[in-house]
Amino acid sequence: MPKDVLFILNKLRKSGFEAYIVGGSVRDKLMGIEPHDYDITTSARPEEIKRVFKDCKTVLVGEDFGTVGILLDKTLYEVTTFRIDGDYVNNRKPEKVIFSDNLTEDLKRRDFTINAMAMDGDGRLYDPFDGQADIENKIIRAVGNPNERIREDALRMMRAIRFAGRFGFFIEEELFDALSLNAGLLKNIAPERIFDEFSKMITGENPSNYLLLMEETGILDVIFPDLKRTVGFVQFSPYHDKTLFDHLLCVMDNVKPDLSLRLAALFHDISKVDTLTIGEDGRGHFYGHEVLGGDKVEEILKRYRLPNKTIEKVKILILDHMKVHAEMTDKALRRQIKRVGRDNVLDLYDLLIADCMCTRIDRDASFIINRKNRVKELLDEKEMKTEKFLEINGNDIKSLGFSEGKIIGKILKDLEEMVLDDPEKNTRAYLIEYIDKNYR
């Protein structure tokens, strides 16, 4: 354990109190994973914790819930009194907590057996609910009655799926049934809390594992009903050998773990369900699905209160994911860079590559990979490095005798289009000469 954690444990113990690391830090240590942080639980009451650490800086993290923060070497360690939770309100949080002197009572209120273990400063394990055995057997099991644990805090359903997907564990049968039975209770949970759990899932390894579990338990239908409609959806296309849902999961698995990119991958074809038409040749067509999908994903992500910047990027990637043609000139690529944005365009190509790879097993994505490499070269051009790339501006045009108004905006727009077609024309002398010849 880190020396500061041992310092806290030992200082509490020498002051006559019990003290342990608890929860995820114990679980991770037993699994050979370096814990990111350490939660500490103790028999000391909040005022006693502050008294023991009177020579350290302490912060009131949640004194009503028995938590005091101790700041050591710029790191805040949360120390919480043993407690028993009162009745839960709206499947979210306990109405009150009751302090306890009993470690087992404290562990009993926790969600899953793998998180209901404690360890003292000497490395002794306290495991009244056989969490270590469940780790060895790769099982996510509720502490006590699964239905009670889920109804206390419905977000535990998302946590069960996250732990199962992250560690490759199985959800124990009774807990699985409790998830299926109580999935609708997630409607009582704040959207931000749900998405906080979901974002951890889809930015991890093999994010499809989580989505498959969400679909199997019925949770997908509650939090993303539009995505649920893609399950089993046949695309009637010689270019696709997967159902729509399986295609979306494949694309998501094959892009880097960036939140915006993973979201774009997951939702890029979500409106194919609404746009399917069957041609005379029996093939499926989805005209305009990217436009409808862009609007749909904006609606979904706003519901979960994501930052506008994230929503904007996801929508941009979805709107442009169909603009990949057999041949694209440098002129067309420059326009694409300006339209999508230099900060987004390489992510767009990562999406396009994964989209192609996840259609049919024999599809060749090399032409998109080559085009991405050409885009990288174009990004080094002066005209691509800034939004304002012309060698003249509106004031220069006014100095040529043009009055303010729409004409200046039109001239600048025309010049931008011309320079994107041929960057060599972006010189002050040429642009002024061009204006004199064409706008007098």
Protein backbone atom coordinates (compact mmCIF):
# COMPACT_ATOMS: atom_id res chain seq x y z
CA MET A 1 0.00 0.00 0.00
CA PRO A 2 1.14 3.60 -0.51
CA LYS A 3 2.90 5.08 2.50
CA ASP A 4 0.24 7.77 2.98
CA VAL A 5 -2.52 5.13 3.12
CA LEU A 6 -0.52 3.15 5.68
CA PHE A 7 0.05 6.36 7.64
CA ILE A 8 -3.72 6.94 7.89
CA LEU A 9 -4.49 3.33 8.81
CA ASN A 10 -1.75 3.14 11.43
CA LYS A 11 -2.56 6.53 12.97
CA LEU A 12 -6.22 5.56 13.39
CA ARG A 13 -5.31 2.16 14.81
CA LYS A 14 -2.82 3.67 17.29
CA SER A 15 -5.56 6.07 18.37
CA GLY A 16 -7.75 3.12 19.33
CA PHE A 17 -9.90 2.78 16.21
CA GLU A 18 -10.33 0.12 13.55
CA ALA A 19 -9.30 1.18 10.04
CA TYR A 20 -9.22 -0.61 6.68
CA ILE A 21 -8.98 0.01 2.99
CA VAL A 22 -12.25 -1.08 1.44
CA GLY A 23 -14.12 -1.66 -1.80
CA GLY A 24 -12.51 -1.31 -5.21
CA SER A 25 -8.97 -0.90 -3.90
CA VAL A 26 -9.14 -4.31 -2.17
CA ARG A 27 -10.74 -5.91 -5.23
CA ASP A 28 -8.07 -4.53 -7.53
CA LYS A 29 -5.21 -5.61 -5.26
CA LEU A 30 -6.55 -9.18 -5.19
CA MET A 31 -6.80 -9.13 -8.99
CA GLY A 32 -3.25 -7.85 -9.43
CA ILE A 33 -4.42 -4.42 -10.60
CA GLU A 34 -2.83 -1.27 -9.20
CA PRO A 35 -5.64 0.68 -7.49
CA HIS A 36 -6.26 4.21 -8.80
CA ASP A 37 -7.40 5.38 -5.39
CA TYR A 38 -7.99 4.07 -1.90
CA ASP A 39 -11.17 4.39 0.13
CA ILE A 40 -10.68 3.99 3.87
CA THR A 41 -13.31 2.96 6.41
CA THR A 42 -13.01 3.28 10.18
CA SER A 43 -14.87 2.89 13.44
CA ALA A 44 -13.97 6.52 14.27
CA ARG A 45 -16.73 9.10 13.98
CA PRO A 46 -16.16 12.16 11.74
CA GLU A 47 -15.26 14.45 14.67
CA GLU A 48 -12.85 11.78 15.96
CA ILE A 49 -11.23 11.46 12.53
CA LYS A 50 -10.65 15.23 12.46
CA ARG A 51 -9.23 15.14 15.97
CA VAL A 52 -6.80 12.30 15.14
CA PHE A 53 -5.59 14.23 12.08
CA LYS A 54 -5.65 17.70 13.66
CA ASP A 55 -2.11 18.29 12.38
CA CYS A 56 -3.17 17.55 8.78
CA LYS A 57 -5.46 19.50 6.49
CA THR A 58 -8.93 17.94 6.58
CA VAL A 59 -11.84 18.67 4.26
CA LEU A 60 -15.54 18.05 4.85
CA VAL A 61 -16.37 15.78 1.92
CA GLY A 62 -19.68 14.54 3.28
CA GLU A 63 -19.78 14.76 7.04
CA ASP A 64 -23.48 13.84 7.19
CA PHE A 65 -22.57 10.56 5.51
CA GLY A 66 -19.52 10.07 7.68
CA THR A 67 -16.82 11.08 5.19
CA VAL A 68 -13.82 13.28 5.97
CA GLY A 69 -11.12 14.08 3.41
CA ILE A 70 -7.48 14.08 4.56
CA LEU A 71 -5.03 15.93 2.34
CA LEU A 72 -1.54 14.40 2.24
CA ASP A 73 1.08 15.43 -0.29
CA LYS A 74 -1.58 17.01 -2.56
CA THR A 75 -3.69 13.83 -2.59
CA LEU A 76 -7.10 13.74 -0.91
CA TYR A 77 -7.91 10.49 0.89
CA GLU A 78 -11.54 9.89 1.88
CA VAL A 79 -12.05 8.31 5.29
CA THR A 80 -15.58 7.17 6.10
CA THR A 81 -17.12 5.98 9.34
CA PHE A 82 -18.64 2.48 9.43
CA ARG A 83 -22.30 2.99 8.64
CA ILE A 84 -25.68 1.41 8.04
CA ASP A 85 -27.81 3.00 5.33
CA GLY A 86 -31.37 4.02 6.09
CA ASP A 87 -34.25 3.64 3.64
CA TYR A 88 -33.41 4.60 0.05
CA VAL A 89 -35.35 7.35 -1.72
CA ASN A 90 -36.45 6.98 -5.36
CA ASN A 91 -34.00 4.13 -6.02
CA ARG A 92 -31.10 6.56 -5.70
CA LYS A 93 -29.69 7.27 -2.26
CA PRO A 94 -30.33 6.59 1.43
CA GLU A 95 -32.53 9.07 3.25
CA LYS A 96 -30.13 8.94 6.19
CA VAL A 97 -27.17 6.94 7.47
CA ILE A 98 -26.58 5.46 10.91
CA PHE A 99 -23.02 5.23 12.16
CA SER A 100 -21.91 1.78 13.28
CA ASP A 101 -19.08 0.14 15.20
CA ASN A 102 -19.31 -3.05 13.13
CA LEU A 103 -17.25 -3.60 9.97
CA THR A 104 -19.48 -6.43 8.73
CA GLU A 105 -22.57 -4.21 8.96
CA ASP A 106 -20.75 -1.64 6.85
CA LEU A 107 -19.72 -4.20 4.23
CA LYS A 108 -23.25 -5.65 4.11
CA ARG A 109 -24.67 -2.43 2.64
CA ARG A 110 -22.36 -2.55 -0.40
CA ASP A 111 -23.42 -3.56 -3.90
CA PHE A 112 -21.45 -6.66 -4.96
CA THR A 113 -19.39 -9.23 -3.10
CA ILE A 114 -16.24 -8.29 -5.02
CA ASN A 115 -16.60 -4.77 -3.59
CA ALA A 116 -17.53 -5.87 -0.05
CA MET A 117 -14.07 -6.73 1.28
CA ALA A 118 -11.73 -4.86 3.60
CA MET A 119 -8.00 -5.10 4.32
CA ASP A 120 -6.02 -3.77 7.27
CA GLY A 121 -2.57 -2.23 7.20
CA ASP A 122 -0.95 -5.62 7.76
CA GLY A 123 -2.61 -7.07 4.67
CA ARG A 124 -5.21 -9.16 6.52
CA LEU A 125 -8.35 -9.67 4.43
CA TYR A 126 -11.89 -9.38 5.84
CA ASP A 127 -14.26 -11.10 3.46
CA PRO A 128 -17.59 -12.04 5.11
CA PHE A 129 -19.43 -12.45 1.77
CA ASP A 130 -16.86 -14.56 -0.12
CA GLY A 131 -15.88 -11.85 -2.58
CA GLN A 132 -12.44 -13.40 -3.10
CA ALA A 133 -14.04 -16.68 -4.20
CA ASP A 134 -16.28 -14.79 -6.62
CA ILE A 135 -13.21 -13.09 -8.09
CA GLU A 136 -11.57 -16.48 -8.58
CA ASN A 137 -14.77 -17.83 -10.17
CA LYS A 138 -15.31 -14.67 -12.25
CA ILE A 139 -18.76 -13.91 -10.85
CA ILE A 140 -20.57 -10.63 -10.18
CA ARG A 141 -22.89 -11.40 -7.25
CA ALA A 142 -25.01 -9.07 -5.13
CA VAL A 143 -24.45 -8.79 -1.40
CA GLY A 144 -27.61 -10.33 0.04
CA ASN A 145 -30.88 -10.10 -1.89
CA PRO A 146 -30.24 -8.89 -5.47
CA ASN A 147 -33.65 -7.24 -5.85
CA GLU A 148 -33.18 -5.28 -2.64
CA ARG A 149 -29.70 -4.12 -3.65
CA ILE A 150 -30.93 -2.98 -7.07
CA ARG A 151 -34.04 -1.23 -5.75
CA GLU A 152 -31.93 0.64 -3.20
CA ASP A 153 -29.87 2.22 -5.97
CA ALA A 154 -30.90 1.46 -9.55
CA LEU A 155 -27.54 2.69 -10.86
CA ARG A 156 -26.10 -0.55 -9.50
CA MET A 157 -27.48 -2.19 -12.64
CA MET A 158 -25.10 -0.14 -14.77
CA ARG A 159 -22.27 -0.90 -12.38
CA ALA A 160 -22.97 -4.64 -12.57
CA ILE A 161 -22.69 -4.50 -16.34
CA ARG A 162 -19.58 -2.33 -16.19
CA PHE A 163 -17.75 -4.70 -13.84
CA ALA A 164 -18.84 -7.78 -15.80
CA GLY A 165 -17.70 -6.26 -19.09
CA ARG A 166 -14.48 -4.80 -17.72
CA PHE A 167 -13.28 -7.97 -16.00
CA GLY A 168 -14.88 -10.56 -18.27
CA PHE A 169 -16.99 -11.88 -15.37
CA PHE A 170 -20.42 -13.51 -15.48
CA ILE A 171 -23.41 -11.93 -13.78
CA GLU A 172 -24.80 -14.42 -11.26
CA GLU A 173 -28.22 -15.77 -12.29
CA GLU A 174 -30.34 -14.17 -9.54
CA LEU A 175 -28.63 -10.82 -10.05
CA PHE A 176 -29.13 -11.11 -13.82
CA ASP A 177 -32.84 -11.72 -13.25
CA ALA A 178 -32.98 -8.72 -10.91
CA LEU A 179 -31.46 -6.52 -13.63
CA SER A 180 -34.05 -7.70 -16.15
CA LEU A 181 -36.91 -7.26 -13.68
CA ASN A 182 -35.90 -3.79 -12.50
CA ALA A 183 -34.41 -2.22 -15.66
CA GLY A 184 -37.21 0.35 -15.78
CA LEU A 185 -36.06 1.83 -12.45
CA LEU A 186 -33.20 3.51 -14.32
CA LYS A 187 -35.77 6.11 -15.37
CA ASN A 188 -35.57 7.37 -11.77
CA ILE A 189 -31.83 8.02 -12.04
CA ALA A 190 -30.38 11.37 -13.13
CA PRO A 191 -29.29 11.18 -16.80
CA GLU A 192 -25.80 12.43 -15.92
CA ARG A 193 -25.23 9.54 -13.49
CA ILE A 194 -26.33 6.99 -16.08
CA PHE A 195 -24.10 8.46 -18.76
CA ASP A 196 -21.15 8.69 -16.39
CA GLU A 197 -21.30 4.90 -16.05
CA PHE A 198 -21.95 4.42 -19.77
CA SER A 199 -19.00 6.59 -20.82
CA LYS A 200 -16.67 4.43 -18.71
CA MET A 201 -17.96 1.40 -20.58
CA ILE A 202 -17.60 2.61 -24.15
CA THR A 203 -14.16 4.13 -23.64
CA GLY A 204 -12.81 0.85 -22.29
CA GLU A 205 -11.59 -2.24 -24.11
CA ASN A 206 -14.11 -4.22 -26.18
CA PRO A 207 -17.05 -1.87 -25.54
CA SER A 208 -19.40 -4.21 -27.40
CA ASN A 209 -19.30 -6.55 -24.38
CA TYR A 210 -21.18 -3.96 -22.34
CA LEU A 211 -23.75 -3.25 -25.03
CA LEU A 212 -24.49 -6.95 -25.47
CA LEU A 213 -25.10 -7.30 -21.73
CA MET A 214 -27.31 -4.22 -21.79
CA GLU A 215 -29.34 -5.76 -24.61
CA GLU A 216 -29.63 -9.15 -22.89
CA THR A 217 -30.89 -7.63 -19.63
CA GLY A 218 -33.35 -5.20 -21.23
CA ILE A 219 -31.42 -2.15 -20.03
CA LEU A 220 -30.66 -1.05 -23.61
CA ASP A 221 -34.37 -0.63 -24.32
CA VAL A 222 -34.69 1.68 -21.30
CA ILE A 223 -31.74 4.01 -21.84
CA PHE A 224 -31.34 3.86 -25.65
CA PRO A 225 -34.64 2.68 -27.18
CA ASP A 226 -33.58 3.97 -30.62
CA LEU A 227 -30.53 1.73 -30.48
CA LYS A 228 -32.62 -1.24 -29.37
CA ARG A 229 -34.50 -1.01 -32.70
CA THR A 230 -31.31 -1.92 -34.56
CA VAL A 231 -31.10 -5.34 -32.87
CA GLY A 232 -31.81 -8.04 -35.47
CA PHE A 233 -32.37 -5.43 -38.20
CA VAL A 234 -31.42 -6.91 -41.60
CA GLN A 235 -29.93 -4.42 -44.08
CA PHE A 236 -30.74 -6.29 -47.33
CA SER A 237 -27.37 -5.28 -48.77
CA PRO A 238 -24.62 -7.31 -50.47
CA TYR A 239 -22.16 -5.02 -48.68
CA HIS A 240 -23.28 -6.12 -45.21
CA ASP A 241 -23.02 -9.58 -43.66
CA LYS A 242 -24.16 -8.42 -40.19
CA THR A 243 -27.36 -7.16 -38.63
CA LEU A 244 -27.36 -3.42 -38.03
CA PHE A 245 -26.75 -3.72 -34.28
CA ASP A 246 -23.82 -6.09 -34.79
CA HIS A 247 -22.37 -3.73 -37.41
CA LEU A 248 -22.57 -0.76 -35.01
CA LEU A 249 -20.84 -2.74 -32.26
CA CYS A 250 -18.10 -3.86 -34.65
CA VAL A 251 -17.39 -0.28 -35.76
CA MET A 252 -17.31 0.90 -32.14
CA ASP A 253 -14.84 -1.85 -31.21
CA ASN A 254 -12.54 -0.86 -34.06
CA VAL A 255 -12.03 2.84 -33.37
CA LYS A 256 -9.78 4.33 -30.70
CA PRO A 257 -11.23 4.85 -27.18
CA ASP A 258 -12.18 8.49 -27.64
CA LEU A 259 -15.66 9.26 -26.28
CA SER A 260 -16.88 11.33 -29.24
CA LEU A 261 -15.53 8.87 -31.79
CA ARG A 262 -16.95 5.84 -29.98
CA LEU A 263 -20.36 7.55 -29.75
CA ALA A 264 -20.28 8.41 -33.45
CA ALA A 265 -19.38 4.80 -34.25
CA LEU A 266 -22.21 3.46 -32.09
CA PHE A 267 -24.88 5.78 -33.50
CA HIS A 268 -23.69 6.49 -37.07
CA ASP A 269 -26.33 4.29 -38.76
CA ILE A 270 -29.04 4.57 -36.11
CA SER A 271 -31.58 6.03 -38.55
CA LYS A 272 -31.25 3.28 -41.13
CA VAL A 273 -34.27 1.75 -39.40
CA ASP A 274 -36.33 4.81 -40.40
CA THR A 275 -35.05 5.20 -43.97
CA LEU A 276 -35.03 1.65 -45.38
CA THR A 277 -36.44 1.26 -48.87
CA ILE A 278 -36.11 -1.85 -51.04
CA GLY A 279 -35.14 -1.32 -54.67
CA GLU A 280 -36.37 -3.35 -57.63
CA ASP A 281 -33.21 -5.42 -57.33
CA GLY A 282 -34.15 -6.37 -53.78
CA ARG A 283 -31.36 -4.30 -52.24
CA GLY A 284 -31.84 -2.08 -49.23
CA HIS A 285 -31.27 1.67 -49.54
CA PHE A 286 -31.07 4.21 -46.73
CA TYR A 287 -31.18 7.61 -48.42
CA GLY A 288 -30.56 10.47 -46.02
CA HIS A 289 -30.02 8.27 -42.98
CA GLU A 290 -26.93 10.25 -42.01
CA VAL A 291 -28.89 13.53 -41.87
CA LEU A 292 -31.73 12.01 -39.88
CA GLY A 293 -29.17 10.22 -37.70
CA GLY A 294 -27.32 13.45 -36.96
CA ASP A 295 -30.51 15.01 -35.64
CA LYS A 296 -31.41 11.87 -33.71
CA VAL A 297 -28.04 11.59 -31.94
CA GLU A 298 -28.18 15.28 -31.02
CA GLU A 299 -31.54 14.64 -29.36
CA ILE A 300 -30.22 11.56 -27.51
CA LEU A 301 -27.04 13.18 -26.24
CA LYS A 302 -28.83 16.34 -25.14
CA ARG A 303 -31.14 14.14 -23.10
CA TYR A 304 -28.07 12.84 -21.28
CA ARG A 305 -26.76 16.41 -20.93
CA LEU A 306 -23.44 15.98 -22.69
CA PRO A 307 -21.36 19.11 -23.38
CA ASN A 308 -22.35 20.93 -26.57
CA LYS A 309 -18.83 20.53 -27.93
CA THR A 310 -19.05 16.73 -27.68
CA ILE A 311 -22.52 16.66 -29.25
CA GLU A 312 -21.34 18.88 -32.10
CA LYS A 313 -18.38 16.63 -32.90
CA VAL A 314 -20.44 13.43 -32.83
CA LYS A 315 -23.01 15.02 -35.15
CA ILE A 316 -20.33 16.26 -37.56
CA LEU A 317 -18.82 12.78 -37.83
CA ILE A 318 -22.20 11.17 -38.46
CA LEU A 319 -23.26 13.76 -41.05
CA ASP A 320 -20.08 13.23 -43.07
CA HIS A 321 -19.64 9.47 -42.76
CA MET A 322 -21.33 8.83 -46.14
CA LYS A 323 -19.15 11.31 -48.02
CA VAL A 324 -16.55 8.77 -49.08
CA HIS A 325 -16.31 8.24 -52.82
CA ALA A 326 -14.15 6.08 -55.06
CA GLU A 327 -12.23 9.16 -56.18
CA MET A 328 -11.73 12.43 -54.31
CA THR A 329 -9.51 15.19 -55.65
CA ASP A 330 -7.32 17.34 -53.42
CA LYS A 331 -9.87 20.08 -54.04
CA ALA A 332 -12.64 17.89 -52.61
CA LEU A 333 -10.48 16.83 -49.67
CA ARG A 334 -9.64 20.43 -48.79
CA ARG A 335 -13.34 21.26 -48.77
CA GLN A 336 -13.97 18.26 -46.55
CA ILE A 337 -11.29 19.39 -44.09
CA LYS A 338 -12.87 22.85 -43.90
CA ARG A 339 -16.36 21.42 -43.55
CA VAL A 340 -15.53 18.87 -40.86
CA GLY A 341 -12.74 20.81 -39.14
CA ARG A 342 -9.05 19.95 -38.93
CA ASP A 343 -9.50 18.69 -35.36
CA ASN A 344 -12.16 16.20 -36.49
CA VAL A 345 -11.16 15.05 -39.94
CA LEU A 346 -8.71 12.29 -38.97
CA ASP A 347 -11.27 10.88 -36.54
CA LEU A 348 -13.74 10.92 -39.43
CA TYR A 349 -11.36 8.77 -41.46
CA ASP A 350 -10.88 6.39 -38.54
CA LEU A 351 -14.68 6.03 -38.49
CA LEU A 352 -14.79 5.48 -42.26
CA ILE A 353 -12.08 2.82 -42.11
CA ALA A 354 -13.82 0.92 -39.30
CA ASP A 355 -17.18 1.29 -41.07
CA CYS A 356 -15.74 -0.30 -44.21
CA MET A 357 -13.97 -3.09 -42.31
CA CYS A 358 -17.19 -3.99 -40.50
CA THR A 359 -19.40 -4.38 -43.56
CA ARG A 360 -18.34 -7.59 -45.28
CA ILE A 361 -15.34 -9.66 -44.29
CA ASP A 362 -13.70 -9.30 -47.72
CA ARG A 363 -14.14 -5.53 -48.05
CA ASP A 364 -10.89 -3.66 -48.75
CA ALA A 365 -10.42 -0.42 -46.81
CA SER A 366 -7.01 0.38 -48.30
CA PHE A 367 -8.36 3.20 -50.50
CA ILE A 368 -9.73 4.98 -47.40
CA ILE A 369 -6.46 4.43 -45.53
CA ASN A 370 -4.55 5.94 -48.46
CA ARG A 371 -6.93 8.87 -48.53
CA LYS A 372 -6.43 9.45 -44.81
CA ASN A 373 -2.68 9.62 -45.44
CA ARG A 374 -3.28 12.22 -48.16
CA VAL A 375 -5.46 14.24 -45.78
CA LYS A 376 -2.58 14.22 -43.29
CA GLU A 377 -0.36 15.76 -45.97
CA LEU A 378 -2.95 18.40 -46.85
CA LEU A 379 -3.29 19.36 -43.19
CA ASP A 380 0.27 20.67 -43.37
CA GLU A 381 -0.69 23.22 -46.02
CA LYS A 382 -0.86 26.79 -44.78
CA GLU A 383 -4.45 27.14 -45.97
CA MET A 384 -5.55 24.18 -43.85
CA LYS A 385 -3.97 25.33 -40.59
CA THR A 386 -6.36 28.15 -39.79
CA GLU A 387 -9.94 29.21 -40.46
CA LYS A 388 -8.74 32.58 -41.77
CA PHE A 389 -6.21 31.54 -44.37
CA LEU A 390 -6.58 34.16 -47.10
CA GLU A 391 -3.70 36.57 -47.61
CA ILE A 392 -6.19 39.44 -47.57
CA ASN A 393 -9.15 40.28 -45.33
CA GLY A 394 -12.28 42.41 -45.29
CA ASN A 395 -10.39 45.60 -44.45
CA ASP A 396 -8.12 45.07 -47.45
CA ILE A 397 -11.17 44.76 -49.68
CA LYS A 398 -12.66 47.96 -48.21
CA SER A 399 -9.41 49.76 -48.95
CA LEU A 400 -9.93 48.85 -52.62
CA GLY A 401 -13.05 51.01 -52.61
CA PHE A 402 -15.77 48.53 -51.71
CA SER A 403 -18.34 49.60 -49.13
CA GLU A 404 -19.26 47.44 -46.15
CA GLY A 405 -22.03 44.92 -46.66
CA LYS A 406 -22.85 41.68 -48.41
CA ILE A 407 -20.46 42.29 -51.31
CA ILE A 408 -17.40 41.96 -49.05
CA GLY A 409 -18.69 38.70 -47.59
CA LYS A 410 -19.39 37.38 -51.10
CA ILE A 411 -15.91 38.30 -52.32
CA LEU A 412 -14.24 36.61 -49.34
CA LYS A 413 -16.35 33.47 -49.84
CA ASP A 414 -15.50 33.34 -53.55
CA LEU A 415 -11.80 33.80 -52.81
CA GLU A 416 -11.84 31.01 -50.22
CA GLU A 417 -13.43 28.63 -52.73
CA MET A 418 -10.86 29.56 -55.36
CA VAL A 419 -7.90 29.11 -53.00
CA LEU A 420 -9.18 25.75 -51.77
CA ASP A 421 -9.19 24.67 -55.42
CA ASP A 422 -5.70 26.06 -56.04
CA PRO A 423 -3.65 27.15 -52.97
CA GLU A 424 -0.93 28.67 -55.19
CA LYS A 425 -3.32 31.54 -55.92
CA ASN A 426 -3.29 32.58 -52.26
CA THR A 427 -0.98 35.55 -52.65
CA ARG A 428 -1.91 39.14 -51.84
CA ALA A 429 -0.97 40.37 -55.31
CA TYR A 430 -2.96 37.72 -57.16
CA LEU A 431 -6.06 38.11 -54.99
CA ILE A 432 -6.13 41.92 -55.39
CA GLU A 433 -5.71 41.56 -59.15
CA TYR A 434 -8.50 38.97 -59.22
CA ILE A 435 -10.85 41.29 -57.32
CA ASP A 436 -10.11 44.19 -59.69
CA LYS A 437 -10.85 42.04 -62.74
CA ASN A 438 -14.00 40.34 -61.49
CA TYR A 439 -15.85 42.68 -59.11
CA ARG A 440 -15.57 46.14 -60.64
